Amino acid sequence: KKFRHALNTEIIPRLLANTKKPLLGKLNKGKSPKAWKALSRSATYTWLNRLGFYKTIEKKGVYVDGHEKKDIIKYRQEDFLLKIASYIRLLTNYEEDDKGVFYAIPPIL
C-alpha cells in the first residue's frame, strides 16, 4: 500500500515531469500532461516482484536446521550466555531519569 502510494504521488509525477511532452501525450492518450492513471494494486505487486521483492512470512524463533538439538541448547546456556554476560560490563548502558531523559553510563574497563 505504501509503495503504491509513493509511486502514484511521488515517483510517477517526478518521472512524468522529466519526460518530453510527446511521450506524455502517448501515455495519457490526449489528456493534460500532468494527468496519468494511477497504478493498481496488481500492477504494483508486479513491479515489486520485478524489483526483487517477494511476499514471505517470517517465522521468528523457529529453526528447522538443528538449532534445537541438545548439544546446541547446552552450549547456548552454559558457554554462550556466560560469554555474553562477561561482555556486558564492557558496554555503555543507558538509564532514564525522572524527567524521561536518558543518560549514558560508561563501561567499567
C-alpha atoms as a PDB file:
ATOM      1  CA  LYS A   1       0.000   0.000   0.000  1.00  0.00           C
ATOM      2  CA  LYS A   2       2.768   2.435   0.956  1.00  0.00           C
ATOM      3  CA  PHE A   3       4.808   1.553  -2.128  1.00  0.00           C
ATOM      4  CA  ARG A   4       1.811   2.091  -4.411  1.00  0.00           C
ATOM      5  CA  HIS A   5       1.054   5.415  -2.725  1.00  0.00           C
ATOM      6  CA  ALA A   6       4.667   6.534  -3.156  1.00  0.00           C
ATOM      7  CA  LEU A   7       4.612   5.504  -6.817  1.00  0.00           C
ATOM      8  CA  ASN A   8       1.383   7.342  -7.536  1.00  0.00           C
ATOM      9  CA  THR A   9       2.121  10.505  -5.571  1.00  0.00           C
ATOM     10  CA  GLU A  10       5.899  10.922  -5.745  1.00  0.00           C
ATOM     11  CA  ILE A  11       7.732   8.752  -8.253  1.00  0.00           C
ATOM     12  CA  ILE A  12       5.434   8.814 -11.301  1.00  0.00           C
ATOM     13  CA  PRO A  13       4.798  12.588 -11.138  1.00  0.00           C
ATOM     14  CA  ARG A  14       8.542  13.229 -10.988  1.00  0.00           C
ATOM     15  CA  LEU A  15       9.198  10.872 -13.889  1.00  0.00           C
ATOM     16  CA  LEU A  16       6.471  12.479 -15.974  1.00  0.00           C
ATOM     17  CA  ALA A  17       7.755  15.954 -15.159  1.00  0.00           C
ATOM     18  CA  ASN A  18      11.147  14.990 -16.578  1.00  0.00           C
ATOM     19  CA  THR A  19       9.883  13.402 -19.812  1.00  0.00           C
ATOM     20  CA  LYS A  20       9.075  15.024 -23.121  1.00  0.00           C
ATOM     21  CA  LYS A  21       5.512  16.145 -23.809  1.00  0.00           C
ATOM     22  CA  PRO A  22       5.015  13.945 -26.909  1.00  0.00           C
ATOM     23  CA  LEU A  23       5.705  10.913 -24.747  1.00  0.00           C
ATOM     24  CA  LEU A  24       3.226  12.163 -22.166  1.00  0.00           C
ATOM     25  CA  GLY A  25       0.617  12.586 -24.860  1.00  0.00           C
ATOM     26  CA  LYS A  26       1.057   8.957 -25.912  1.00  0.00           C
ATOM     27  CA  LEU A  27       0.920   7.722 -22.313  1.00  0.00           C
ATOM     28  CA  ASN A  28      -2.111   9.795 -21.402  1.00  0.00           C
ATOM     29  CA  LYS A  29      -3.984   9.448 -24.705  1.00  0.00           C
ATOM     30  CA  GLY A  30      -4.545  13.153 -25.234  1.00  0.00           C
ATOM     31  CA  LYS A  31      -5.133  14.114 -21.604  1.00  0.00           C
ATOM     32  CA  SER A  32      -3.337  17.014 -19.986  1.00  0.00           C
ATOM     33  CA  PRO A  33       0.413  16.495 -19.454  1.00  0.00           C
ATOM     34  CA  LYS A  34       0.010  16.209 -15.691  1.00  0.00           C
ATOM     35  CA  ALA A  35      -2.738  13.563 -15.809  1.00  0.00           C
ATOM     36  CA  TRP A  36      -1.960   9.864 -15.575  1.00  0.00           C
ATOM     37  CA  LYS A  37      -3.703   6.747 -14.471  1.00  0.00           C
ATOM     38  CA  ALA A  38      -2.604   5.612 -11.012  1.00  0.00           C
ATOM     39  CA  LEU A  39      -1.106   2.142 -10.726  1.00  0.00           C
ATOM     40  CA  SER A  40      -3.411  -0.575  -9.478  1.00  0.00           C
ATOM     41  CA  ARG A  41      -2.568  -2.913  -6.643  1.00  0.00           C
ATOM     42  CA  SER A  42      -1.828  -5.798  -9.012  1.00  0.00           C
ATOM     43  CA  ALA A  43       0.480  -3.641 -11.150  1.00  0.00           C
ATOM     44  CA  THR A  44       2.294  -2.541  -8.004  1.00  0.00           C
ATOM     45  CA  TYR A  45       2.821  -6.165  -6.929  1.00  0.00           C
ATOM     46  CA  THR A  46       4.102  -6.993 -10.411  1.00  0.00           C
ATOM     47  CA  TRP A  47       6.661  -4.191 -10.213  1.00  0.00           C
ATOM     48  CA  LEU A  48       7.696  -5.169  -6.691  1.00  0.00           C
ATOM     49  CA  ASN A  49       8.356  -8.711  -7.957  1.00  0.00           C
ATOM     50  CA  ARG A  50      10.355  -7.387 -10.909  1.00  0.00           C
ATOM     51  CA  LEU A  51      12.415  -5.285  -8.496  1.00  0.00           C
ATOM     52  CA  GLY A  52      13.245  -8.399  -6.463  1.00  0.00           C
ATOM     53  CA  PHE A  53      10.727  -8.101  -3.623  1.00  0.00           C
ATOM     54  CA  TYR A  54       8.619 -11.139  -2.785  1.00  0.00           C
ATOM     55  CA  LYS A  55       5.881 -11.708  -0.247  1.00  0.00           C
ATOM     56  CA  THR A  56       7.110 -14.011   2.504  1.00  0.00           C
ATOM     57  CA  ILE A  57       6.131 -14.856   6.031  1.00  0.00           C
ATOM     58  CA  GLU A  58       8.942 -14.662   8.560  1.00  0.00           C
ATOM     59  CA  LYS A  59       8.722 -17.027  11.470  1.00  0.00           C
ATOM     60  CA  LYS A  60      10.836 -15.638  14.262  1.00  0.00           C
ATOM     61  CA  GLY A  61      12.464 -18.044  16.666  1.00  0.00           C
ATOM     62  CA  VAL A  62      11.569 -21.158  14.695  1.00  0.00           C
ATOM     63  CA  TYR A  63      14.540 -23.144  13.429  1.00  0.00           C
ATOM     64  CA  VAL A  64      14.356 -26.155  11.189  1.00  0.00           C
ATOM     65  CA  ASP A  65      18.069 -26.789  10.713  1.00  0.00           C
ATOM     66  CA  GLY A  66      19.092 -28.400  14.014  1.00  0.00           C
ATOM     67  CA  HIS A  67      19.351 -25.375  16.307  1.00  0.00           C
ATOM     68  CA  GLU A  68      17.229 -27.110  18.929  1.00  0.00           C
ATOM     69  CA  LYS A  69      19.474 -30.156  19.369  1.00  0.00           C
ATOM     70  CA  LYS A  70      20.522 -30.962  22.936  1.00  0.00           C
ATOM     71  CA  ASP A  71      24.191 -30.083  22.382  1.00  0.00           C
ATOM     72  CA  ILE A  72      23.249 -26.694  20.899  1.00  0.00           C
ATOM     73  CA  ILE A  73      20.941 -25.884  23.806  1.00  0.00           C
ATOM     74  CA  LYS A  74      23.658 -26.896  26.289  1.00  0.00           C
ATOM     75  CA  TYR A  75      26.272 -24.725  24.531  1.00  0.00           C
ATOM     76  CA  ARG A  76      23.909 -21.762  24.443  1.00  0.00           C
ATOM     77  CA  GLN A  77      23.046 -21.984  28.130  1.00  0.00           C
ATOM     78  CA  GLU A  78      26.485 -22.839  29.520  1.00  0.00           C
ATOM     79  CA  ASP A  79      29.043 -21.215  27.216  1.00  0.00           C
ATOM     80  CA  PHE A  80      27.445 -18.595  25.003  1.00  0.00           C
ATOM     81  CA  LEU A  81      25.383 -16.852  27.681  1.00  0.00           C
ATOM     82  CA  LEU A  82      28.372 -16.738  30.056  1.00  0.00           C
ATOM     83  CA  LYS A  83      30.496 -15.106  27.350  1.00  0.00           C
ATOM     84  CA  ILE A  84      27.796 -12.540  26.630  1.00  0.00           C
ATOM     85  CA  ALA A  85      27.431 -11.827  30.354  1.00  0.00           C
ATOM     86  CA  SER A  86      31.173 -11.146  30.586  1.00  0.00           C
ATOM     87  CA  TYR A  87      30.907  -8.616  27.744  1.00  0.00           C
ATOM     88  CA  ILE A  88      28.060  -6.660  29.348  1.00  0.00           C
ATOM     89  CA  ARG A  89      30.457  -4.816  31.645  1.00  0.00           C
ATOM     90  CA  LEU A  90      32.254  -3.518  28.529  1.00  0.00           C
ATOM     91  CA  LEU A  91      29.107  -1.946  27.054  1.00  0.00           C
ATOM     92  CA  THR A  92      27.752   1.542  27.575  1.00  0.00           C
ATOM     93  CA  ASN A  93      24.460   1.373  29.460  1.00  0.00           C
ATOM     94  CA  TYR A  94      21.684   3.950  29.426  1.00  0.00           C
ATOM     95  CA  GLU A  95      19.327   4.899  32.231  1.00  0.00           C
ATOM     96  CA  GLU A  96      16.329   7.179  32.318  1.00  0.00           C
ATOM     97  CA  ASP A  97      15.949   9.865  34.957  1.00  0.00           C
ATOM     98  CA  ASP A  98      12.689  11.170  36.463  1.00  0.00           C
ATOM     99  CA  LYS A  99      12.232  13.676  33.617  1.00  0.00           C
ATOM    100  CA  GLY A 100      12.407  10.988  30.927  1.00  0.00           C
ATOM    101  CA  VAL A 101      15.904  11.951  29.775  1.00  0.00           C
ATOM    102  CA  PHE A 102      18.362   9.146  29.088  1.00  0.00           C
ATOM    103  CA  TYR A 103      21.969   9.437  30.152  1.00  0.00           C
ATOM    104  CA  ALA A 104      24.923   7.197  29.380  1.00  0.00           C
ATOM    105  CA  ILE A 105      26.757   5.125  31.963  1.00  0.00           C
ATOM    106  CA  PRO A 106      30.240   4.443  30.572  1.00  0.00           C
ATOM    107  CA  PRO A 107      31.663   0.917  30.752  1.00  0.00           C
ATOM    108  CA  ILE A 108      33.968  -0.192  33.542  1.00  0.00           C
ATOM    109  CA  LEU A 109      37.184  -1.199  31.831  1.00  0.00           C
END
